[in-house]
Each structure stands twice: as structure tokens, then as C-alpha cells.
Amino acid sequence: MRTRTKTAAVAALTALTGTALTGTALGASPPRAEPYCNYIDDSARPIIRERPPHTQTPGAVPQVQCLINTYSNQAGPLTVDGILGPTTRAAIRSVQRCNQVSEPAGILVGPSTWEVLYSPIPGCARPL
């Protein structure tokens, strides 16, 4: 009986808001399911630092490179090789400038940059 009431309440809320409830916090957008760049899970948003070791998450740099190639009209194409060299760094900074995001000192790719890599603002996005 309790499950039925809970299910009915969820259905009513979904009907009122026009959106289904997800496991994300209110106000937070769920990770975008990315069909092409599968070097790391779409929900993973590891910090990539300016200086070595850049990240402890294998696949993070190729994911960034692939996302820039797929969604950004500001840079690319990048070679998806996992190397955080000058070309990749310049592309990341170009994406950040266009999308008007920045990260704290010492961080090259953090939460703000991951967000715009998956969902750039319209003027910075590559037409799909």
C-alpha cells in the first residue's frame, strides 16, 4: 500500500511538472548521455590539473578531446590521443573563453568546464 501511494505521488508530480523525477538533486541537470565519446562514464567529471599528475582517471583527457571535437565550434579537430599537450590546452582555454567559464588556479578542467564540454552555450556549440 505504501509503495502504491508513493508511486501515485511521483506520477502526480510528474504530471504537474511535465518532467520525470531522476536521481539527481533538484536544480542539477543529469549528466548528458554522450553516444560518441565513451572514454569515461558520462557521469564522471574528474578534475584535470594544470601540472602533472594531471588526473588519476584514465580516459579523462581523451574524453575532453572527443567532446571538444564533437560539440565545440571553437577548436579542433584534436587528435584524441590522451596527451595534454599545447594544442589540447589551447582548445580547452578557447572553449572556456567562449562559454565564459573559468576554473580555480591550478585546475585546467573542473566542474564548470565539464558542464560546457557536454552542453556548450549556443554560440559556442557545433551545429549537430
Protein backbone atom coordinates (compact mmCIF):
# COMPACT_ATOMS: atom_id res chain seq x y z
CA MET A 1 0.00 0.00 0.00
CA ARG A 2 2.80 2.42 0.86
CA THR A 3 4.54 1.76 -2.49
CA ARG A 4 1.32 2.42 -4.40
CA THR A 5 0.89 5.78 -2.62
CA LYS A 6 4.48 6.74 -3.31
CA THR A 7 4.15 5.74 -6.98
CA ALA A 8 0.92 7.74 -7.30
CA ALA A 9 2.60 10.79 -5.75
CA VAL A 10 5.53 10.52 -8.17
CA ALA A 11 3.13 10.17 -11.11
CA ALA A 12 1.15 13.21 -9.95
CA LEU A 13 4.30 15.30 -9.55
CA THR A 14 5.50 14.21 -12.98
CA ALA A 15 2.15 15.21 -14.49
CA LEU A 16 2.26 18.62 -12.78
CA THR A 17 5.86 19.47 -13.69
CA GLY A 18 5.98 17.74 -17.05
CA THR A 19 9.25 16.06 -16.12
CA ALA A 20 10.14 12.75 -14.61
CA LEU A 21 12.00 12.57 -11.33
CA THR A 22 15.58 11.37 -11.55
CA GLY A 23 18.25 10.52 -9.04
CA THR A 24 19.83 13.96 -9.37
CA ALA A 25 19.48 16.77 -6.88
CA LEU A 26 16.82 19.39 -7.50
CA GLY A 27 18.14 22.06 -9.83
CA ALA A 28 21.03 19.90 -11.05
CA SER A 29 20.91 18.70 -14.59
CA PRO A 30 21.54 14.99 -15.10
CA PRO A 31 24.70 14.05 -16.98
CA ARG A 32 24.16 14.17 -20.71
CA ALA A 33 24.30 10.73 -22.30
CA GLU A 34 27.05 11.05 -24.88
CA PRO A 35 26.87 8.47 -27.69
CA TYR A 36 30.31 9.05 -29.23
CA CYS A 37 32.81 9.89 -26.51
CA ASN A 38 32.97 6.86 -24.28
CA TYR A 39 36.44 7.09 -22.77
CA ILE A 40 34.95 7.56 -19.30
CA ASP A 41 31.41 7.32 -17.94
CA ASP A 42 29.31 10.38 -18.76
CA SER A 43 28.68 10.97 -15.06
CA ALA A 44 32.42 11.08 -14.28
CA ARG A 45 33.72 14.62 -14.10
CA PRO A 46 37.30 14.24 -12.80
CA ILE A 47 39.48 17.25 -12.08
CA ILE A 48 42.28 17.69 -14.61
CA ARG A 49 45.11 19.72 -13.13
CA GLU A 50 47.50 22.12 -14.86
CA ARG A 51 50.58 20.25 -13.64
CA PRO A 52 51.41 16.52 -13.54
CA PRO A 53 49.95 14.30 -12.42
CA HIS A 54 47.10 15.83 -14.39
CA THR A 55 44.45 13.28 -13.44
CA GLN A 56 44.14 9.90 -11.83
CA THR A 57 41.24 8.96 -14.08
CA PRO A 58 42.32 7.06 -17.19
CA GLY A 59 40.37 8.26 -20.19
CA ALA A 60 39.65 11.77 -18.86
CA VAL A 61 41.88 13.60 -21.35
CA PRO A 62 40.66 11.64 -24.40
CA GLN A 63 37.09 12.33 -23.22
CA VAL A 64 37.82 16.07 -23.18
CA GLN A 65 39.42 15.89 -26.63
CA CYS A 66 36.48 13.95 -28.05
CA LEU A 67 33.90 16.30 -26.51
CA ILE A 68 35.69 19.33 -27.97
CA ASN A 69 35.71 17.66 -31.40
CA THR A 70 32.05 16.69 -31.12
CA TYR A 71 30.39 19.75 -29.58
CA SER A 72 32.64 22.82 -29.78
CA ASN A 73 32.90 25.13 -32.74
CA GLN A 74 35.84 26.92 -31.12
CA ALA A 75 38.61 24.41 -31.62
CA GLY A 76 39.57 21.19 -33.27
CA PRO A 77 39.76 18.82 -34.65
CA LEU A 78 42.02 17.48 -31.95
CA THR A 79 43.82 14.18 -32.13
CA VAL A 80 42.20 12.00 -29.48
CA ASP A 81 45.42 10.63 -28.05
CA GLY A 82 45.12 11.37 -24.32
CA ILE A 83 48.07 13.77 -24.40
CA LEU A 84 47.51 17.04 -22.59
CA GLY A 85 49.80 18.99 -24.89
CA PRO A 86 49.76 22.62 -26.02
CA THR A 87 47.11 22.08 -28.72
CA THR A 88 44.69 20.42 -26.29
CA ARG A 89 45.37 23.05 -23.62
CA ALA A 90 44.72 25.87 -26.12
CA ALA A 91 41.48 24.18 -27.23
CA ILE A 92 40.30 23.85 -23.61
CA ARG A 93 41.04 27.51 -22.95
CA SER A 94 39.24 28.52 -26.15
CA VAL A 95 36.16 26.57 -25.06
CA GLN A 96 36.32 28.17 -21.62
CA ARG A 97 36.62 31.70 -23.07
CA CYS A 98 33.74 31.23 -25.48
CA ASN A 99 31.49 29.76 -22.77
CA GLN A 100 32.64 32.34 -20.21
CA VAL A 101 33.76 29.83 -17.60
CA SER A 102 36.89 29.62 -15.54
CA GLU A 103 38.35 27.23 -13.03
CA PRO A 104 40.32 27.90 -9.82
CA ALA A 105 44.09 28.31 -10.07
CA GLY A 106 45.86 25.05 -10.82
CA ILE A 107 42.82 23.37 -12.37
CA LEU A 108 42.55 23.11 -16.14
CA VAL A 109 39.26 21.18 -16.32
CA GLY A 110 36.86 21.24 -13.39
CA PRO A 111 33.08 21.14 -12.93
CA SER A 112 32.32 24.32 -14.91
CA THR A 113 34.39 23.20 -17.88
CA TRP A 114 32.91 19.69 -17.88
CA GLU A 115 29.43 21.22 -17.98
CA VAL A 116 30.18 23.30 -21.10
CA LEU A 117 32.06 20.45 -22.76
CA TYR A 118 28.85 18.41 -22.69
CA SER A 119 26.49 21.38 -23.22
CA PRO A 120 28.16 24.46 -24.70
CA ILE A 121 26.18 27.68 -24.97
CA PRO A 122 24.56 28.11 -28.40
CA GLY A 123 27.16 30.50 -29.86
CA CYS A 124 29.95 28.09 -28.91
CA ALA A 125 28.29 24.85 -29.98
CA ARG A 126 28.94 22.99 -33.20
CA PRO A 127 25.70 22.52 -35.16
CA LEU A 128 24.64 18.89 -34.93
